[in-house]
Amino acid sequence: MPSPTTGYRAALKHAGIVLAFLAAIGLGACRVSVSTGNDKLPEPTPGTAAEQEEAEAAARRYLDFIDREQYDETWVRAGPALRDSTNKFMWTNVVKLAHKAFGTPPNRRLDGFGFTTRVDRNAPVGEYVLVQFKSPSGKTVTTEKVVMQKEAGTWKIVGYFVDTRTAVASNR
């Protein structure tokens, strides 16, 4: 398995950007923030084996809801960072569109973790984790990222991102 923190700083930053995007397009949502560029996000860590096990199980539960098209269930279990940045209508429809566009990956496998205290400059300080899964299929690789925030001892979803890439042959 690749180094758990490799590339996760960028992924967590991307997660924050997508959360901000959801906030910006949310019905009635309007947020303005100013950044001096000095407020860097903390470097994510791989976490302990027990933390990884707990986070993976929670992420797989959320993916199961998405795979079974139970999008409302993800909202019921959403964390404060998500609830404060959008509404149920926007969240469930964005997740539904992503799932319809990319489908259920055929062979999802764990790719790594990124534990941190911040995922976005606008999100409150807390306990967050990004759990990444990859699903290779021929020349195509689907990457799913489940971002969660710990609230009252439970991991709650605050972001879901999916991307499919196809390898292209080089002429070199």
Protein backbone atom coordinates (compact mmCIF):
# COMPACT_ATOMS: atom_id res chain seq x y z
CA MET A 1 0.00 0.00 0.00
CA PRO A 2 1.36 3.48 -0.80
CA SER A 3 2.47 5.82 1.95
CA PRO A 4 -0.79 6.90 3.68
CA THR A 5 0.09 10.59 3.71
CA THR A 6 1.40 10.79 0.16
CA GLY A 7 -0.90 13.04 -1.79
CA TYR A 8 -3.46 13.33 0.99
CA ARG A 9 -2.61 16.91 1.83
CA ALA A 10 -3.65 17.84 -1.71
CA ALA A 11 -6.70 15.57 -1.48
CA LEU A 12 -7.80 17.16 1.80
CA LYS A 13 -7.29 20.61 0.30
CA HIS A 14 -9.38 19.51 -2.70
CA ALA A 15 -12.04 18.20 -0.30
CA GLY A 16 -12.21 21.62 1.31
CA ILE A 17 -12.55 23.29 -2.07
CA VAL A 18 -15.44 21.00 -2.99
CA LEU A 19 -17.11 21.67 0.38
CA ALA A 20 -16.75 25.38 -0.33
CA PHE A 21 -18.22 24.82 -3.80
CA LEU A 22 -21.21 23.03 -2.28
CA ALA A 23 -21.65 25.93 0.11
CA ALA A 24 -21.51 28.44 -2.72
CA ILE A 25 -24.16 26.69 -4.80
CA GLY A 26 -26.40 25.79 -1.86
CA LEU A 27 -29.86 27.33 -1.95
CA GLY A 28 -29.60 30.60 -0.09
CA ALA A 29 -25.99 29.91 0.83
CA CYS A 30 -23.65 32.82 0.55
CA ARG A 31 -20.30 32.92 2.28
CA VAL A 32 -17.37 35.23 1.83
CA SER A 33 -13.96 34.50 3.26
CA VAL A 34 -10.63 36.23 3.09
CA SER A 35 -7.41 34.31 3.40
CA THR A 36 -4.00 35.84 3.90
CA GLY A 37 -2.38 32.62 2.73
CA ASN A 38 -0.66 32.29 6.11
CA ASP A 39 -3.29 29.96 7.56
CA LYS A 40 -1.92 26.67 6.22
CA LEU A 41 -3.81 23.45 6.70
CA PRO A 42 -2.13 20.93 9.01
CA GLU A 43 -0.23 18.01 7.51
CA PRO A 44 -2.42 14.87 7.61
CA THR A 45 -1.21 11.77 9.45
CA PRO A 46 -1.87 8.08 8.78
CA GLY A 47 -3.47 7.53 12.21
CA THR A 48 -3.17 4.41 14.32
CA ALA A 49 -4.30 0.94 13.23
CA ALA A 50 -7.38 1.26 15.48
CA GLU A 51 -8.24 4.70 14.05
CA GLN A 52 -7.83 3.36 10.51
CA GLU A 53 -10.08 0.38 11.22
CA GLU A 54 -12.80 2.59 12.68
CA ALA A 55 -12.58 5.13 9.84
CA GLU A 56 -12.59 2.46 7.12
CA ALA A 57 -15.69 0.79 8.59
CA ALA A 58 -17.51 4.14 8.75
CA ALA A 59 -16.49 5.07 5.19
CA ARG A 60 -17.67 1.71 3.87
CA ARG A 61 -21.05 2.23 5.58
CA TYR A 62 -21.45 5.56 3.76
CA LEU A 63 -20.40 3.99 0.46
CA ASP A 64 -22.95 1.24 1.06
CA PHE A 65 -25.71 3.86 1.43
CA ILE A 66 -24.55 5.50 -1.82
CA ASP A 67 -24.30 2.15 -3.65
CA ARG A 68 -27.87 1.30 -2.56
CA GLU A 69 -29.01 4.80 -3.65
CA GLN A 70 -30.01 5.70 -0.08
CA TYR A 71 -28.75 9.27 -0.43
CA ASP A 72 -31.04 10.65 2.29
CA GLU A 73 -29.34 8.32 4.79
CA THR A 74 -26.01 10.04 4.14
CA TRP A 75 -27.62 13.39 4.99
CA VAL A 76 -29.16 12.00 8.19
CA ARG A 77 -25.61 11.04 9.24
CA ALA A 78 -23.89 14.20 7.93
CA GLY A 79 -21.39 16.06 10.09
CA PRO A 80 -21.64 19.70 11.10
CA ALA A 81 -19.11 20.90 8.50
CA LEU A 82 -21.40 19.60 5.75
CA ARG A 83 -24.69 20.66 7.35
CA ASP A 84 -23.34 24.18 7.88
CA SER A 85 -22.21 24.51 4.26
CA THR A 86 -25.19 23.21 2.25
CA ASN A 87 -28.66 21.71 2.59
CA LYS A 88 -30.18 18.26 2.17
CA PHE A 89 -31.53 18.97 -1.33
CA MET A 90 -28.14 20.07 -2.70
CA TRP A 91 -26.13 17.33 -0.95
CA THR A 92 -28.36 14.41 -1.91
CA ASN A 93 -28.63 15.57 -5.52
CA VAL A 94 -24.88 16.13 -5.94
CA VAL A 95 -24.16 12.65 -4.50
CA LYS A 96 -26.90 11.14 -6.66
CA LEU A 97 -25.48 12.77 -9.82
CA ALA A 98 -21.95 11.60 -8.98
CA HIS A 99 -23.17 8.05 -8.36
CA LYS A 100 -25.24 7.98 -11.54
CA ALA A 101 -22.31 9.34 -13.58
CA PHE A 102 -19.66 6.98 -12.20
CA GLY A 103 -21.71 4.01 -10.98
CA THR A 104 -20.68 1.55 -8.31
CA PRO A 105 -17.02 0.60 -8.69
CA PRO A 106 -16.67 -3.15 -9.32
CA ASN A 107 -13.73 -3.89 -7.01
CA ARG A 108 -13.28 -1.13 -4.45
CA ARG A 109 -10.10 -1.47 -2.38
CA LEU A 110 -8.69 0.67 0.41
CA ASP A 111 -5.92 2.99 -0.75
CA GLY A 112 -5.08 5.03 2.37
CA PHE A 113 -5.98 7.54 5.07
CA GLY A 114 -5.35 11.16 5.97
CA PHE A 115 -6.25 12.21 9.53
CA THR A 116 -6.20 15.93 10.30
CA THR A 117 -7.73 18.68 12.42
CA ARG A 118 -8.75 20.91 9.46
CA VAL A 119 -9.97 20.16 5.93
CA ASP A 120 -10.79 23.72 4.93
CA ARG A 121 -10.05 27.18 6.25
CA ASN A 122 -13.81 27.77 6.65
CA ALA A 123 -14.51 24.48 8.45
CA PRO A 124 -14.18 24.38 12.23
CA VAL A 125 -11.18 22.79 13.88
CA GLY A 126 -12.01 19.19 14.79
CA GLU A 127 -11.19 15.59 13.98
CA TYR A 128 -11.36 14.78 10.26
CA VAL A 129 -10.32 11.87 8.09
CA LEU A 130 -10.14 11.27 4.37
CA VAL A 131 -10.45 7.60 3.44
CA GLN A 132 -9.48 6.84 -0.15
CA PHE A 133 -10.50 3.82 -2.21
CA LYS A 134 -9.33 2.81 -5.68
CA SER A 135 -11.10 0.53 -8.13
CA PRO A 136 -8.99 -0.52 -11.11
CA SER A 137 -10.81 -1.99 -14.09
CA GLY A 138 -8.73 -2.54 -17.21
CA LYS A 139 -7.12 0.78 -18.13
CA THR A 140 -9.58 2.71 -15.96
CA VAL A 141 -9.11 3.56 -12.28
CA THR A 142 -11.93 5.00 -10.19
CA THR A 143 -10.89 6.90 -7.07
CA GLU A 144 -13.40 7.57 -4.30
CA LYS A 145 -12.71 9.81 -1.31
CA VAL A 146 -14.94 9.83 1.73
CA VAL A 147 -14.25 12.74 4.09
CA MET A 148 -15.63 12.46 7.61
CA GLN A 149 -15.76 14.58 10.75
CA LYS A 150 -15.90 13.06 14.22
CA GLU A 151 -18.85 14.26 16.28
CA ALA A 152 -19.77 12.78 19.66
CA GLY A 153 -17.42 9.85 19.03
CA THR A 154 -18.95 8.97 15.63
CA TRP A 155 -17.51 9.54 12.15
CA LYS A 156 -20.00 11.61 10.12
CA ILE A 157 -19.74 12.21 6.39
CA VAL A 158 -18.80 15.72 5.25
CA GLY A 159 -17.65 15.00 1.70
CA TYR A 160 -17.74 12.42 -1.09
CA PHE A 161 -15.63 12.72 -4.21
CA VAL A 162 -15.30 10.36 -7.14
CA ASP A 163 -13.07 10.49 -10.18
CA THR A 164 -12.43 8.04 -13.00
CA ARG A 165 -9.29 8.20 -15.11
CA THR A 166 -8.29 6.17 -18.12
CA ALA A 167 -4.66 5.49 -18.93
CA VAL A 168 -3.63 6.80 -22.33
CA ALA A 169 -0.90 5.12 -24.36
CA SER A 170 2.18 7.23 -25.00
CA ASN A 171 3.86 7.53 -28.41
CA ARG A 172 7.30 7.69 -26.82
